[in-house]
Amino acid sequence: MMEGEKRKQRQHQQDKPYRGIRMRKWGKWVAEIREPNKRSRIWLGSYSSPVAAARAYDTAVFYLRGPSARLNFPECIVDDLAIHDLSAASIRKKATEVGARVDALQTAIHNSAAAPHAESNCNSSNMRSTRVMMNPDLNEYPESCEEDN
């Protein structure tokens, strides 16, 4: 494979990390899918993480094409929640529910991963930036470190 082809393939993998999603110019991830035998698309929503958009796509493609569908996360599909009405609206509703749930979990995980940095020791180089990101109570006196005494 030539160097230019490798670079283009790497860039394509960064732009579209999962099947059925794309990133908007402003950073939101969106998912949509074509209806079988039609030119129309089913809008699956806009999400802050690519994983949430991919899970919404997986839900829709699973209900449209069944267990033989090519999924991003085949281990995450729950087969016991069958949709009896296979209309575009019902598929959109189920996919957006899953996407919103995953998006909320991804946001909570991201926020909890950022929280330990706020409790780091005082001689940390990023202490000032983490304090700015937190919402301080302006009525309390600032905490002092043991090293300051």
C-alpha atoms as a PDB file:
ATOM      1  CA  MET A   1       0.000   0.000   0.000  1.00  0.00           C
ATOM      2  CA  MET A   2       1.339   3.425  -0.898  1.00  0.00           C
ATOM      3  CA  GLU A   3       2.072   6.074   1.725  1.00  0.00           C
ATOM      4  CA  GLY A   4      -0.687   8.414   0.480  1.00  0.00           C
ATOM      5  CA  GLU A   5      -3.289   5.646   0.741  1.00  0.00           C
ATOM      6  CA  LYS A   6      -2.218   4.829   4.295  1.00  0.00           C
ATOM      7  CA  ARG A   7      -2.450   8.479   5.331  1.00  0.00           C
ATOM      8  CA  LYS A   8      -5.914   8.812   3.756  1.00  0.00           C
ATOM      9  CA  GLN A   9      -7.095   5.614   5.477  1.00  0.00           C
ATOM     10  CA  ARG A  10      -5.809   6.845   8.871  1.00  0.00           C
ATOM     11  CA  GLN A  11      -7.525  10.213   8.405  1.00  0.00           C
ATOM     12  CA  HIS A  12     -10.790   8.471   7.433  1.00  0.00           C
ATOM     13  CA  GLN A  13     -10.624   6.327  10.601  1.00  0.00           C
ATOM     14  CA  GLN A  14     -10.187   9.474  12.721  1.00  0.00           C
ATOM     15  CA  ASP A  15     -13.060  11.280  10.989  1.00  0.00           C
ATOM     16  CA  LYS A  16     -15.481   8.346  11.220  1.00  0.00           C
ATOM     17  CA  PRO A  17     -14.474   6.084  14.089  1.00  0.00           C
ATOM     18  CA  TYR A  18     -17.731   4.088  13.861  1.00  0.00           C
ATOM     19  CA  ARG A  19     -20.179   3.011  11.196  1.00  0.00           C
ATOM     20  CA  GLY A  20     -23.250   5.206  10.629  1.00  0.00           C
ATOM     21  CA  ILE A  21     -22.049   8.381  12.336  1.00  0.00           C
ATOM     22  CA  ARG A  22     -20.343  11.620  11.399  1.00  0.00           C
ATOM     23  CA  MET A  23     -19.051  14.689  13.180  1.00  0.00           C
ATOM     24  CA  ARG A  24     -20.552  18.130  12.634  1.00  0.00           C
ATOM     25  CA  LYS A  25     -18.271  21.132  12.146  1.00  0.00           C
ATOM     26  CA  TRP A  26     -18.933  22.277  15.712  1.00  0.00           C
ATOM     27  CA  GLY A  27     -17.994  18.929  17.267  1.00  0.00           C
ATOM     28  CA  LYS A  28     -21.321  17.165  17.815  1.00  0.00           C
ATOM     29  CA  TRP A  29     -21.674  13.587  16.595  1.00  0.00           C
ATOM     30  CA  VAL A  30     -24.782  12.667  14.606  1.00  0.00           C
ATOM     31  CA  ALA A  31     -26.268   9.352  13.542  1.00  0.00           C
ATOM     32  CA  GLU A  32     -28.651   8.524  10.735  1.00  0.00           C
ATOM     33  CA  ILE A  33     -29.540   5.482   8.670  1.00  0.00           C
ATOM     34  CA  ARG A  34     -31.240   4.835   5.350  1.00  0.00           C
ATOM     35  CA  GLU A  35     -34.544   3.049   5.354  1.00  0.00           C
ATOM     36  CA  PRO A  36     -34.431  -0.244   3.426  1.00  0.00           C
ATOM     37  CA  ASN A  37     -35.553   0.045  -0.206  1.00  0.00           C
ATOM     38  CA  LYS A  38     -36.133   3.798   0.145  1.00  0.00           C
ATOM     39  CA  ARG A  39     -34.103   6.926  -0.415  1.00  0.00           C
ATOM     40  CA  SER A  40     -35.236   8.496   2.842  1.00  0.00           C
ATOM     41  CA  ARG A  41     -33.175   8.478   6.020  1.00  0.00           C
ATOM     42  CA  ILE A  42     -34.097   8.012   9.644  1.00  0.00           C
ATOM     43  CA  TRP A  43     -32.555  10.732  11.819  1.00  0.00           C
ATOM     44  CA  LEU A  44     -31.178   9.127  14.995  1.00  0.00           C
ATOM     45  CA  GLY A  45     -30.048  12.215  16.856  1.00  0.00           C
ATOM     46  CA  SER A  46     -27.125  14.420  17.773  1.00  0.00           C
ATOM     47  CA  TYR A  47     -24.760  13.402  20.594  1.00  0.00           C
ATOM     48  CA  SER A  48     -21.703  14.728  22.373  1.00  0.00           C
ATOM     49  CA  SER A  49     -19.749  11.459  22.083  1.00  0.00           C
ATOM     50  CA  PRO A  50     -19.118   9.208  19.085  1.00  0.00           C
ATOM     51  CA  VAL A  51     -19.904   6.135  21.197  1.00  0.00           C
ATOM     52  CA  ALA A  52     -23.432   7.364  21.931  1.00  0.00           C
ATOM     53  CA  ALA A  53     -24.089   8.089  18.258  1.00  0.00           C
ATOM     54  CA  ALA A  54     -22.722   4.664  17.303  1.00  0.00           C
ATOM     55  CA  ARG A  55     -24.931   2.918  19.872  1.00  0.00           C
ATOM     56  CA  ALA A  56     -27.991   4.752  18.496  1.00  0.00           C
ATOM     57  CA  TYR A  57     -27.025   3.606  15.002  1.00  0.00           C
ATOM     58  CA  ASP A  58     -26.517   0.028  16.219  1.00  0.00           C
ATOM     59  CA  THR A  59     -29.985  -0.025  17.759  1.00  0.00           C
ATOM     60  CA  ALA A  60     -31.608   1.205  14.553  1.00  0.00           C
ATOM     61  CA  VAL A  61     -29.681  -1.094  12.224  1.00  0.00           C
ATOM     62  CA  PHE A  62     -30.425  -4.075  14.458  1.00  0.00           C
ATOM     63  CA  TYR A  63     -34.175  -3.438  14.279  1.00  0.00           C
ATOM     64  CA  LEU A  64     -34.037  -2.786  10.531  1.00  0.00           C
ATOM     65  CA  ARG A  65     -31.793  -5.659   9.461  1.00  0.00           C
ATOM     66  CA  GLY A  66     -31.918  -8.161  12.299  1.00  0.00           C
ATOM     67  CA  PRO A  67     -29.133 -10.159  13.947  1.00  0.00           C
ATOM     68  CA  SER A  68     -27.117 -10.328  10.709  1.00  0.00           C
ATOM     69  CA  ALA A  69     -26.538  -6.536  10.737  1.00  0.00           C
ATOM     70  CA  ARG A  70     -22.978  -5.206  10.927  1.00  0.00           C
ATOM     71  CA  LEU A  71     -22.794  -3.503  14.312  1.00  0.00           C
ATOM     72  CA  ASN A  72     -20.237  -1.265  15.989  1.00  0.00           C
ATOM     73  CA  PHE A  73     -20.817  -2.875  19.393  1.00  0.00           C
ATOM     74  CA  PRO A  74     -22.363  -6.328  18.848  1.00  0.00           C
ATOM     75  CA  GLU A  75     -21.890  -7.224  22.520  1.00  0.00           C
ATOM     76  CA  CYS A  76     -24.140  -4.354  23.635  1.00  0.00           C
ATOM     77  CA  ILE A  77     -27.329  -5.212  21.753  1.00  0.00           C
ATOM     78  CA  VAL A  78     -30.164  -6.341  23.996  1.00  0.00           C
ATOM     79  CA  ASP A  79     -32.384  -8.709  22.011  1.00  0.00           C
ATOM     80  CA  ASP A  80     -35.208  -9.007  24.546  1.00  0.00           C
ATOM     81  CA  LEU A  81     -36.588  -5.504  23.875  1.00  0.00           C
ATOM     82  CA  ALA A  82     -38.403  -6.166  20.610  1.00  0.00           C
ATOM     83  CA  ILE A  83     -40.226  -3.434  18.742  1.00  0.00           C
ATOM     84  CA  HIS A  84     -43.470  -4.727  17.279  1.00  0.00           C
ATOM     85  CA  ASP A  85     -44.023  -1.599  15.172  1.00  0.00           C
ATOM     86  CA  LEU A  86     -41.119  -1.255  12.735  1.00  0.00           C
ATOM     87  CA  SER A  87     -42.043   2.250  11.571  1.00  0.00           C
ATOM     88  CA  ALA A  88     -39.357   4.884  11.172  1.00  0.00           C
ATOM     89  CA  ALA A  89     -40.785   6.789  14.139  1.00  0.00           C
ATOM     90  CA  SER A  90     -40.624   3.810  16.515  1.00  0.00           C
ATOM     91  CA  ILE A  91     -37.089   2.919  15.418  1.00  0.00           C
ATOM     92  CA  ARG A  92     -36.026   6.553  15.846  1.00  0.00           C
ATOM     93  CA  LYS A  93     -37.585   6.659  19.311  1.00  0.00           C
ATOM     94  CA  LYS A  94     -35.821   3.493  20.492  1.00  0.00           C
ATOM     95  CA  ALA A  95     -32.467   4.528  18.976  1.00  0.00           C
ATOM     96  CA  THR A  96     -32.576   8.003  20.506  1.00  0.00           C
ATOM     97  CA  GLU A  97     -33.435   6.519  23.917  1.00  0.00           C
ATOM     98  CA  VAL A  98     -30.376   4.281  23.768  1.00  0.00           C
ATOM     99  CA  GLY A  99     -28.169   7.076  22.415  1.00  0.00           C
ATOM    100  CA  ALA A 100     -29.292   9.539  25.078  1.00  0.00           C
ATOM    101  CA  ARG A 101     -28.695   6.995  27.844  1.00  0.00           C
ATOM    102  CA  VAL A 102     -25.188   6.212  26.576  1.00  0.00           C
ATOM    103  CA  ASP A 103     -24.456   9.923  26.077  1.00  0.00           C
ATOM    104  CA  ALA A 104     -25.444  10.640  29.685  1.00  0.00           C
ATOM    105  CA  LEU A 105     -23.241   7.796  30.927  1.00  0.00           C
ATOM    106  CA  GLN A 106     -20.301   8.949  28.787  1.00  0.00           C
ATOM    107  CA  THR A 107     -20.686  12.502  30.123  1.00  0.00           C
ATOM    108  CA  ALA A 108     -20.861  11.256  33.724  1.00  0.00           C
ATOM    109  CA  ILE A 109     -17.761   9.106  33.234  1.00  0.00           C
ATOM    110  CA  HIS A 110     -15.911  12.014  31.645  1.00  0.00           C
ATOM    111  CA  ASN A 111     -16.891  14.351  34.482  1.00  0.00           C
ATOM    112  CA  SER A 112     -15.971  11.849  37.201  1.00  0.00           C
ATOM    113  CA  ALA A 113     -12.609  11.210  35.550  1.00  0.00           C
ATOM    114  CA  ALA A 114     -11.897  14.948  35.691  1.00  0.00           C
ATOM    115  CA  ALA A 115     -12.867  15.208  39.374  1.00  0.00           C
ATOM    116  CA  PRO A 116      -9.743  13.564  40.922  1.00  0.00           C
ATOM    117  CA  HIS A 117      -7.572  16.244  39.341  1.00  0.00           C
ATOM    118  CA  ALA A 118      -9.345  18.877  41.395  1.00  0.00           C
ATOM    119  CA  GLU A 119      -8.222  17.204  44.619  1.00  0.00           C
ATOM    120  CA  SER A 120      -4.562  16.939  43.685  1.00  0.00           C
ATOM    121  CA  ASN A 121      -1.850  18.350  45.927  1.00  0.00           C
ATOM    122  CA  CYS A 122      -1.030  22.069  45.973  1.00  0.00           C
ATOM    123  CA  ASN A 123       2.272  21.910  44.124  1.00  0.00           C
ATOM    124  CA  SER A 124       0.612  20.427  41.042  1.00  0.00           C
ATOM    125  CA  SER A 125       1.234  22.469  37.903  1.00  0.00           C
ATOM    126  CA  ASN A 126      -2.400  22.257  36.776  1.00  0.00           C
ATOM    127  CA  MET A 127      -3.967  23.273  40.105  1.00  0.00           C
ATOM    128  CA  ARG A 128      -4.966  26.718  38.899  1.00  0.00           C
ATOM    129  CA  SER A 129      -6.699  25.417  35.751  1.00  0.00           C
ATOM    130  CA  THR A 130      -8.695  22.780  37.650  1.00  0.00           C
ATOM    131  CA  ARG A 131      -9.864  25.286  40.245  1.00  0.00           C
ATOM    132  CA  VAL A 132     -11.191  27.510  37.492  1.00  0.00           C
ATOM    133  CA  MET A 133     -13.211  24.638  36.035  1.00  0.00           C
ATOM    134  CA  MET A 134     -14.893  23.884  39.381  1.00  0.00           C
ATOM    135  CA  ASN A 135     -17.733  25.992  40.763  1.00  0.00           C
ATOM    136  CA  PRO A 136     -16.271  27.357  43.998  1.00  0.00           C
ATOM    137  CA  ASP A 137     -18.367  28.583  46.897  1.00  0.00           C
ATOM    138  CA  LEU A 138     -17.291  32.211  47.110  1.00  0.00           C
ATOM    139  CA  ASN A 139     -18.528  32.499  50.716  1.00  0.00           C
ATOM    140  CA  GLU A 140     -15.939  30.005  52.029  1.00  0.00           C
ATOM    141  CA  TYR A 141     -12.326  30.710  52.876  1.00  0.00           C
ATOM    142  CA  PRO A 142      -9.817  28.953  50.601  1.00  0.00           C
ATOM    143  CA  GLU A 143      -8.296  25.723  51.829  1.00  0.00           C
ATOM    144  CA  SER A 144      -4.628  25.758  52.670  1.00  0.00           C
ATOM    145  CA  CYS A 145      -2.150  22.953  52.172  1.00  0.00           C
ATOM    146  CA  GLU A 146      -0.074  21.510  55.004  1.00  0.00           C
ATOM    147  CA  GLU A 147       3.080  22.574  53.146  1.00  0.00           C
ATOM    148  CA  ASP A 148       2.096  26.254  53.446  1.00  0.00           C
ATOM    149  CA  ASN A 149       2.206  26.173  57.292  1.00  0.00           C
END
